[in-house]
Protein backbone atom coordinates (compact mmCIF):
# COMPACT_ATOMS: atom_id res chain seq x y z
CA MET A 1 -19.30 -14.41 -20.52
CA GLN A 2 -20.53 -12.18 -17.70
CA MET A 3 -17.92 -13.71 -15.38
CA SER A 4 -15.04 -13.00 -17.71
CA ARG A 5 -16.04 -9.32 -17.94
CA ARG A 6 -16.20 -9.09 -14.16
CA ASN A 7 -12.80 -10.77 -13.84
CA SER A 8 -11.24 -8.48 -16.43
CA THR A 9 -12.67 -5.46 -14.60
CA GLN A 10 -11.32 -6.76 -11.31
CA GLY A 11 -7.93 -7.42 -12.90
CA LYS A 12 -7.85 -3.87 -14.26
CA SER A 13 -8.59 -2.37 -10.85
CA HIS A 14 -5.77 -4.46 -9.33
CA ARG A 15 -3.35 -3.19 -12.00
CA ASP A 16 -4.46 0.39 -11.36
CA ALA A 17 -4.00 -0.04 -7.62
CA LEU A 18 -0.40 -1.11 -8.16
CA ARG A 19 0.55 2.24 -9.69
CA LEU A 20 3.38 3.78 -7.74
CA VAL A 21 3.34 7.40 -6.66
CA GLU A 22 6.65 9.26 -6.72
CA GLY A 23 7.64 10.94 -3.49
CA PRO A 24 7.95 12.19 -0.95
CA ASN A 25 11.09 13.99 -2.12
CA LEU A 26 14.14 13.14 -0.07
CA ALA A 27 17.53 14.55 -1.07
CA GLY A 28 19.61 11.92 -2.84
CA HIS A 29 16.90 9.21 -2.76
CA VAL A 30 14.09 8.07 -5.02
CA VAL A 31 10.97 7.20 -3.02
CA GLN A 32 7.87 5.54 -4.49
CA HIS A 33 4.82 4.17 -2.73
CA SER A 34 1.42 2.56 -3.22
CA ASP A 35 -1.11 3.23 -0.48
CA ALA A 36 -3.39 0.49 -1.83
CA TYR A 37 -0.76 -2.19 -1.16
CA HIS A 38 1.19 -0.47 1.64
CA LEU A 39 4.20 -0.81 -0.63
CA LEU A 40 7.24 1.43 -0.16
CA ILE A 41 10.21 1.46 -2.53
CA ILE A 42 13.35 3.45 -1.77
CA ASP A 43 16.08 3.68 -4.40
CA GLY A 44 14.63 0.65 -6.20
CA GLY A 45 14.57 -1.58 -3.10
CA ILE A 46 11.33 -2.74 -1.46
CA VAL A 47 10.94 -1.82 2.19
CA PRO A 48 8.76 -4.44 3.92
CA CYS A 49 6.28 -2.71 6.25
CA THR A 50 3.57 -3.83 8.61
CA PRO A 51 0.18 -2.06 8.39
CA THR A 52 1.23 0.16 11.32
CA GLU A 53 4.76 0.84 10.07
CA TYR A 54 3.74 1.90 6.56
CA PRO A 55 1.84 5.11 7.45
CA LEU A 56 4.38 5.94 10.17
CA LEU A 57 7.30 5.57 7.79
CA LEU A 58 5.54 7.49 5.03
CA HIS A 59 4.82 10.30 7.51
CA LEU A 60 8.46 10.45 8.59
CA LEU A 61 9.58 10.53 4.95
CA GLN A 62 7.08 13.31 4.14
CA GLU A 63 8.36 15.39 7.03
CA GLY A 64 11.90 15.07 5.66
CA GLU A 65 14.70 15.98 8.02
CA ARG A 66 12.50 17.97 10.42
CA GLN A 67 12.46 17.31 14.15
CA LEU A 68 9.19 15.74 15.30
CA SER A 69 8.19 15.71 18.94
CA LEU A 70 7.19 12.37 20.43
CA GLU A 71 3.82 13.85 21.42
CA ARG A 72 3.17 15.03 17.87
CA LEU A 73 4.06 11.60 16.49
CA VAL A 74 1.81 9.85 19.00
CA GLN A 75 -1.09 12.17 18.11
CA TRP A 76 -0.51 11.65 14.39
CA ALA A 77 -0.23 7.87 14.80
CA ARG A 78 -3.46 7.67 16.78
CA GLN A 79 -5.27 9.48 13.97
CA HIS A 80 -3.71 7.60 11.06
CA ALA A 81 -2.18 4.30 12.11
CA SER A 82 -3.87 2.91 15.19
CA SER A 83 -5.97 4.37 17.96
CA ARG A 84 -4.27 1.97 20.40
CA LEU A 85 -0.75 3.26 19.81
CA THR A 86 1.05 4.34 22.96
CA ARG A 87 4.38 6.09 23.46
CA SER A 88 6.13 2.79 24.19
CA SER A 89 4.58 0.98 21.20
CA LEU A 90 5.49 3.92 18.97
CA ARG A 91 9.10 3.62 20.18
CA ARG A 92 9.06 -0.09 19.28
CA HIS A 93 7.75 0.69 15.80
CA ILE A 94 10.41 3.38 15.36
CA ARG A 95 13.12 0.83 16.28
CA SER A 96 11.75 -1.64 13.75
CA VAL A 97 11.44 0.95 10.99
CA ARG A 98 14.92 2.32 11.74
CA ALA A 99 16.49 -1.08 11.03
CA LYS A 100 14.62 -1.30 7.72
CA LEU A 101 15.93 2.11 6.63
CA TRP A 102 19.63 1.59 7.39
CA PRO A 103 20.40 -0.31 4.16
CA PHE A 104 19.20 2.74 2.20
CA GLY A 105 21.41 5.22 4.03
CA LEU A 106 18.49 6.50 6.10
CA ASP A 107 18.19 6.62 9.86
CA ILE A 108 15.76 7.89 12.46
CA LEU A 109 17.68 9.87 15.03
CA CYS A 110 16.45 10.06 18.62
CA ILE A 111 16.47 13.58 20.03
CA ILE A 112 16.65 12.90 23.76
CA GLY A 113 13.83 14.56 25.67
CA TYR A 114 12.06 15.65 22.47
CA GLY A 115 11.36 13.11 19.74
CA TYR A 116 12.77 11.92 16.44
CA MET A 117 14.24 13.13 13.18
CA LEU A 118 14.81 11.36 9.87
CA HIS A 119 18.39 11.62 8.62
CA ALA A 120 19.28 10.90 5.00
CA THR A 121 22.66 9.99 3.56
CA PRO A 122 22.58 10.35 -0.26
CA LEU A 123 22.82 7.01 -2.07
CA GLU A 124 26.13 8.08 -3.65
CA GLN A 125 27.64 8.22 -0.14
CA ALA A 126 26.29 4.83 0.99
CA THR A 127 28.91 2.19 1.68
CA PRO A 128 29.14 -0.94 -0.51
CA HIS A 129 27.87 -2.97 2.48
CA GLU A 130 24.77 -0.75 2.74
CA LEU A 131 24.13 -1.14 -1.00
CA GLU A 132 24.52 -4.92 -0.72
CA MET A 133 22.04 -5.04 2.19
CA ALA A 134 19.49 -3.14 0.06
CA ASN A 135 20.17 -5.42 -2.96
CA LEU A 136 21.19 -2.44 -5.08
CA PRO A 137 24.01 -2.35 -7.62
CA ALA A 138 27.17 -0.63 -6.40
């Protein structure tokens, strides 16, 4: 009997951890996330993320379409994602995340000599191919 109570309590905490938080707000897109599971959902499609990519991507989404210097991103990443992150490894993570965002009409633009900027295309303007890649109804 004691075990079943413990299991039901554990099951409840797992269900609570799966609750999705709305946001950050991004024009034309619905973004939800769960920090407990490093789960990111954009416009109803799951974005698979590694443990390093998740906080980086969430940070970029929270900043919206603001320009972020490479130095600022490296400093942020060292505090939140991994203390071993370097400029070159950050660039690799940005490339990987960029490819995961394309199907949702999102991109990370490189500002030569400065850093990066998230660019959003509203879902209504996404091409049928982009919708198909994200497994969303046209």
